[in-house]
Amino acid sequence: MDKANREFIQDIIDNGKDLTLATIRPDGYPQATTVSYANDGLTIYVGIGKDSQKANNIRHCEKVSLTINAEYKDWNHIKGLSMGATAQLLEDQNEIRRATECMVKRYPQVTEWAQPGENMDIVMLKITPKVISVLDYEKGFGHTELVSM
């Protein structure tokens, strides 16, 4: 990936508000849900319900898709990302701690549920991008570039 795409991608991830996460249900239908997230570079973390449909979907299939959009004034300024990625429910305590630190840094209110052992109903999800479609309408209507990781 070239430097310009890397910087564009990182800026969208760092400054996005939410992302839409699509998981695959056991019946094969996709399920898209808007979630808050934090990141460490290109690695994305999300806290989800341990027994939620999203968690169950990921237990069934680790492949996910997601979108993150930058704020824009009109169609001529749409910028965003669409990713094909893998998702993992974290079990390693060091990885959980790192994911939680990232979430608390971005959303201080997370400390209400992020205390170890306090809330076993929440699991941390680690999302690793595999392919990213970079969307930048400032380069032309519908302009995309595909970036493989």
Protein backbone atom coordinates (compact mmCIF):
# COMPACT_ATOMS: atom_id res chain seq x y z
CA MET A 1 0.00 0.00 0.00
CA ASP A 2 1.38 3.38 -0.91
CA LYS A 3 1.90 6.17 1.63
CA ALA A 4 -1.02 8.30 0.39
CA ASN A 5 -3.52 5.44 0.72
CA ARG A 6 -2.09 4.46 4.12
CA GLU A 7 -2.53 8.03 5.41
CA PHE A 8 -6.05 8.33 3.92
CA ILE A 9 -7.12 5.00 5.47
CA GLN A 10 -5.61 5.82 8.86
CA ASP A 11 -7.26 9.26 8.90
CA ILE A 12 -10.71 7.79 8.19
CA ILE A 13 -10.28 5.11 10.88
CA ASP A 14 -8.86 7.56 13.44
CA ASN A 15 -11.60 10.15 12.93
CA GLY A 16 -14.69 8.09 12.12
CA LYS A 17 -17.50 8.16 14.65
CA ASP A 18 -19.01 4.70 14.19
CA LEU A 19 -18.76 1.84 11.77
CA THR A 20 -21.30 -0.46 10.23
CA LEU A 21 -20.27 -4.07 10.80
CA ALA A 22 -21.72 -6.82 8.63
CA THR A 23 -21.45 -10.38 9.93
CA ILE A 24 -22.73 -13.57 8.36
CA ARG A 25 -25.63 -15.30 10.08
CA PRO A 26 -25.67 -19.11 10.23
CA ASP A 27 -28.49 -19.08 7.65
CA GLY A 28 -26.18 -17.25 5.21
CA TYR A 29 -27.84 -13.84 5.36
CA PRO A 30 -25.67 -10.84 6.23
CA GLN A 31 -26.49 -8.81 9.33
CA ALA A 32 -25.32 -5.19 9.46
CA THR A 33 -25.11 -3.31 12.74
CA THR A 34 -23.76 0.13 13.65
CA VAL A 35 -21.20 -0.01 16.47
CA SER A 36 -18.73 2.31 18.17
CA TYR A 37 -15.11 1.31 17.87
CA ALA A 38 -11.53 2.14 18.79
CA ASN A 39 -8.36 1.32 16.94
CA ASP A 40 -4.66 0.72 17.25
CA GLY A 41 -3.35 1.59 13.82
CA LEU A 42 -5.39 -0.43 11.33
CA THR A 43 -6.54 -2.93 13.97
CA ILE A 44 -10.10 -2.17 15.07
CA TYR A 45 -11.67 -3.09 18.43
CA VAL A 46 -15.35 -3.31 19.30
CA GLY A 47 -17.08 -4.30 22.55
CA ILE A 48 -20.11 -6.51 21.93
CA GLY A 49 -22.51 -8.59 23.97
CA LYS A 50 -21.11 -12.05 24.68
CA ASP A 51 -24.36 -13.70 23.62
CA SER A 52 -25.35 -11.20 20.94
CA GLN A 53 -26.24 -12.17 17.39
CA LYS A 54 -22.98 -10.51 16.24
CA ALA A 55 -20.91 -12.67 18.59
CA ASN A 56 -22.76 -15.82 17.55
CA ASN A 57 -22.32 -14.93 13.88
CA ILE A 58 -18.58 -14.47 14.35
CA ARG A 59 -18.34 -17.78 16.19
CA HIS A 60 -19.90 -19.30 13.07
CA CYS A 61 -17.83 -17.35 10.50
CA GLU A 62 -14.94 -14.97 11.13
CA LYS A 63 -15.39 -13.12 7.82
CA VAL A 64 -16.89 -9.64 8.20
CA SER A 65 -17.31 -6.48 6.16
CA LEU A 66 -17.49 -2.96 7.48
CA THR A 67 -17.78 0.62 6.40
CA ILE A 68 -16.49 3.80 8.02
CA ASN A 69 -17.43 7.19 6.56
CA ALA A 70 -15.94 10.63 7.09
CA GLU A 71 -18.37 13.47 7.71
CA TYR A 72 -19.21 15.35 4.50
CA LYS A 73 -21.18 18.37 3.34
CA ASP A 74 -22.43 16.98 0.02
CA TRP A 75 -21.94 14.05 -2.35
CA ASN A 76 -18.90 15.66 -3.95
CA HIS A 77 -17.01 15.25 -0.68
CA ILE A 78 -17.89 11.68 0.33
CA LYS A 79 -14.89 9.82 1.71
CA GLY A 80 -14.88 6.47 3.40
CA LEU A 81 -13.71 2.90 3.62
CA SER A 82 -15.26 -0.46 2.95
CA MET A 83 -13.33 -3.42 4.31
CA GLY A 84 -13.28 -7.15 4.01
CA ALA A 85 -11.80 -8.37 7.28
CA THR A 86 -11.63 -11.14 9.81
CA ALA A 87 -13.03 -10.80 13.32
CA GLN A 88 -11.88 -12.59 16.44
CA LEU A 89 -13.48 -12.74 19.88
CA LEU A 90 -10.55 -12.01 22.16
CA GLU A 91 -9.65 -14.51 24.86
CA ASP A 92 -6.02 -13.62 25.62
CA GLN A 93 -5.94 -11.30 28.67
CA ASN A 94 -3.14 -9.14 27.24
CA GLU A 95 -5.08 -8.59 24.02
CA ILE A 96 -8.26 -7.85 25.97
CA ARG A 97 -6.36 -5.34 28.10
CA ARG A 98 -4.95 -3.61 24.98
CA ALA A 99 -8.38 -3.50 23.31
CA THR A 100 -9.95 -2.11 26.49
CA GLU A 101 -7.24 0.56 26.80
CA CYS A 102 -7.96 1.68 23.24
CA MET A 103 -11.71 1.82 23.93
CA VAL A 104 -11.26 3.77 27.20
CA LYS A 105 -8.92 6.25 25.50
CA ARG A 106 -11.53 6.98 22.83
CA TYR A 107 -14.63 6.64 25.04
CA PRO A 108 -13.87 7.36 28.72
CA GLN A 109 -17.40 6.26 29.69
CA VAL A 110 -16.33 2.71 28.79
CA THR A 111 -14.74 2.47 32.25
CA GLU A 112 -18.28 1.79 33.55
CA TRP A 113 -18.17 -1.71 32.01
CA ALA A 114 -14.48 -2.24 31.28
CA GLN A 115 -13.29 -3.37 34.71
CA PRO A 116 -11.80 -6.89 34.51
CA GLY A 117 -14.20 -9.47 35.89
CA GLU A 118 -16.90 -6.86 36.42
CA ASN A 119 -19.00 -7.51 33.36
CA MET A 120 -18.69 -10.92 31.81
CA ASP A 121 -21.55 -10.17 29.41
CA ILE A 122 -19.25 -8.14 27.12
CA VAL A 123 -16.51 -9.50 24.88
CA MET A 124 -13.92 -7.58 22.91
CA LEU A 125 -13.75 -8.10 19.19
CA LYS A 126 -10.56 -7.63 17.17
CA ILE A 127 -11.04 -6.83 13.49
CA THR A 128 -8.12 -7.27 11.10
CA PRO A 129 -8.49 -5.77 7.60
CA LYS A 130 -7.65 -8.02 4.63
CA VAL A 131 -8.78 -5.81 1.75
CA ILE A 132 -9.86 -2.16 1.84
CA SER A 133 -11.84 -0.24 -0.75
CA VAL A 134 -10.95 3.46 -0.46
CA LEU A 135 -13.83 5.73 -1.46
CA ASP A 136 -13.02 9.34 -2.40
CA TYR A 137 -15.62 11.29 -4.39
CA GLU A 138 -13.29 14.30 -4.49
CA LYS A 139 -11.41 12.32 -7.18
CA GLY A 140 -14.65 11.74 -9.11
CA PHE A 141 -18.14 10.38 -8.50
CA GLY A 142 -17.88 6.86 -7.06
CA HIS A 143 -14.06 6.82 -7.21
CA THR A 144 -12.65 3.78 -5.39
CA GLU A 145 -9.26 2.15 -5.09
CA LEU A 146 -8.81 -1.41 -3.84
CA VAL A 147 -5.96 -1.92 -1.37
CA SER A 148 -4.90 -5.41 -0.29
CA MET A 149 -3.24 -5.92 3.04
